[in-house]
Protein backbone atom coordinates (compact mmCIF):
# COMPACT_ATOMS: atom_id res chain seq x y z
CA UNK A 1 -16.86 -46.08 -19.26
CA UNK A 2 -15.92 -42.55 -17.60
CA UNK A 3 -12.59 -41.50 -19.31
CA UNK A 4 -9.65 -39.63 -17.78
CA UNK A 5 -10.99 -35.74 -17.74
CA UNK A 6 -8.76 -32.40 -16.99
CA UNK A 7 -9.40 -29.11 -17.10
CA UNK A 8 -6.67 -26.13 -17.57
CA UNK A 9 -8.03 -22.88 -17.18
CA UNK A 10 -5.96 -19.83 -17.68
CA UNK A 11 -6.38 -16.01 -17.05
CA UNK A 12 -3.46 -12.75 -17.16
CA UNK A 13 -3.32 -12.83 -13.30
CA UNK A 14 -0.06 -11.03 -10.78
CA UNK A 15 -1.31 -11.51 -7.84
CA UNK A 16 -2.99 -15.20 -6.65
CA UNK A 17 -5.01 -13.06 -3.74
CA UNK A 18 -6.55 -10.90 -6.26
CA UNK A 19 -10.33 -10.39 -7.53
CA UNK A 20 -8.97 -11.76 -11.47
CA UNK A 21 -7.34 -14.58 -9.70
CA UNK A 22 -10.15 -16.44 -7.62
CA UNK A 23 -12.42 -15.41 -10.46
CA UNK A 24 -10.38 -18.23 -12.28
CA UNK A 25 -10.49 -20.36 -9.40
CA UNK A 26 -14.13 -19.94 -9.08
CA UNK A 27 -14.84 -20.20 -13.11
CA UNK A 28 -12.43 -23.41 -13.30
CA UNK A 29 -14.04 -25.52 -10.30
CA UNK A 30 -17.33 -24.43 -12.22
CA UNK A 31 -16.37 -25.96 -15.49
CA UNK A 32 -14.82 -28.76 -14.38
CA UNK A 33 -18.24 -30.03 -11.92
CA UNK A 34 -20.25 -28.90 -15.45
CA UNK A 35 -18.12 -31.28 -17.85
CA UNK A 36 -17.40 -33.41 -15.62
CA UNK A 37 -20.91 -34.06 -14.35
CA UNK A 38 -22.97 -35.92 -17.60
CA UNK A 39 -26.40 -37.33 -17.83
CA UNK A 40 -28.19 -40.75 -17.93
CA UNK A 41 -28.40 -40.73 -21.44
CA UNK A 42 -25.09 -38.80 -22.75
CA UNK A 43 -21.33 -40.52 -22.29
CA UNK A 44 -18.34 -38.14 -21.33
CA UNK A 45 -15.76 -38.54 -24.85
CA UNK A 46 -13.12 -41.35 -24.62
CA UNK A 47 -11.14 -38.73 -26.72
CA UNK A 48 -10.26 -35.45 -27.97
CA UNK A 49 -8.76 -32.30 -26.38
CA UNK A 50 -11.29 -28.68 -27.08
CA UNK A 51 -9.87 -25.63 -26.53
CA UNK A 52 -12.14 -22.80 -25.52
CA UNK A 53 -11.30 -18.87 -25.22
CA UNK A 54 -14.44 -16.77 -23.26
CA UNK A 55 -14.80 -13.66 -21.34
CA UNK A 56 -17.84 -13.51 -19.12
CA UNK A 57 -21.23 -10.99 -19.34
CA UNK A 58 -22.53 -8.68 -16.63
CA UNK A 59 -25.47 -11.14 -16.97
CA UNK A 60 -23.02 -13.89 -16.23
CA UNK A 61 -23.36 -16.06 -19.05
CA UNK A 62 -19.70 -17.36 -21.05
CA UNK A 63 -19.87 -15.85 -24.38
CA UNK A 64 -17.41 -17.65 -26.38
CA UNK A 65 -14.66 -15.88 -28.49
CA UNK A 66 -12.82 -18.96 -29.68
CA UNK A 67 -13.61 -22.92 -29.96
CA UNK A 68 -10.94 -25.59 -30.78
CA UNK A 69 -11.19 -28.96 -30.94
CA UNK A 70 -10.28 -32.08 -32.22
CA UNK A 71 -13.28 -34.29 -32.20
CA UNK A 72 -16.72 -33.91 -33.17
CA UNK A 73 -17.51 -36.17 -29.81
CA UNK A 74 -15.52 -33.58 -28.00
CA UNK A 75 -16.88 -30.64 -29.21
CA UNK A 76 -20.42 -31.39 -29.08
CA UNK A 77 -19.73 -32.05 -25.56
CA UNK A 78 -18.14 -29.11 -23.79
CA UNK A 79 -20.47 -26.94 -26.47
CA UNK A 80 -23.75 -28.63 -24.93
CA UNK A 81 -21.99 -28.04 -21.01
CA UNK A 82 -20.79 -25.11 -21.68
CA UNK A 83 -23.92 -23.11 -22.92
CA UNK A 84 -25.20 -25.07 -20.22
CA UNK A 85 -23.69 -22.90 -17.27
CA UNK A 86 -23.91 -19.45 -15.75
CA UNK A 87 -21.52 -17.78 -13.61
CA UNK A 88 -23.27 -14.80 -12.35
CA UNK A 89 -23.00 -15.30 -8.29
CA UNK A 90 -18.88 -14.25 -9.10
CA UNK A 91 -17.17 -11.37 -8.50
CA UNK A 92 -15.50 -10.95 -11.86
CA UNK A 93 -13.18 -9.15 -14.25
CA UNK A 94 -16.36 -8.98 -16.89
CA UNK A 95 -13.63 -7.26 -19.24
CA UNK A 96 -11.28 -10.40 -18.54
CA UNK A 97 -10.49 -13.24 -21.28
CA UNK A 98 -9.99 -16.72 -19.86
CA UNK A 99 -9.14 -19.95 -21.99
CA UNK A 100 -9.70 -23.42 -21.00
CA UNK A 101 -8.46 -26.65 -22.14
CA UNK A 102 -10.32 -29.97 -21.77
CA UNK A 103 -8.50 -33.10 -22.57
CA UNK A 104 -10.76 -36.37 -22.83
CA UNK A 105 -8.77 -39.46 -23.21
CA UNK A 106 -9.32 -43.32 -21.99
CA UNK A 107 -7.74 -44.51 -18.92
């Protein structure tokens, strides 16, 4: 069974066309695709909320600063997925912090 999944990302941006806003959109799309895509032997959690505060290193690695989850299943799933993400192809403001919230619930 595939659970309903939603990701919300925020970054302190002022102008919608700014490099920081474009970077936030690209990161959101990459995170959403990565977490939504599952291997055959791994199921997407059916419940839980996971919030991650992170920055991106100059090597394109996500550096988690704070991680909160309401369920162990959702926590393990999101940690595994975001640990594999590389965003080195994006033009990013490397001093920017991003916050993403994943919400898992059955349809």
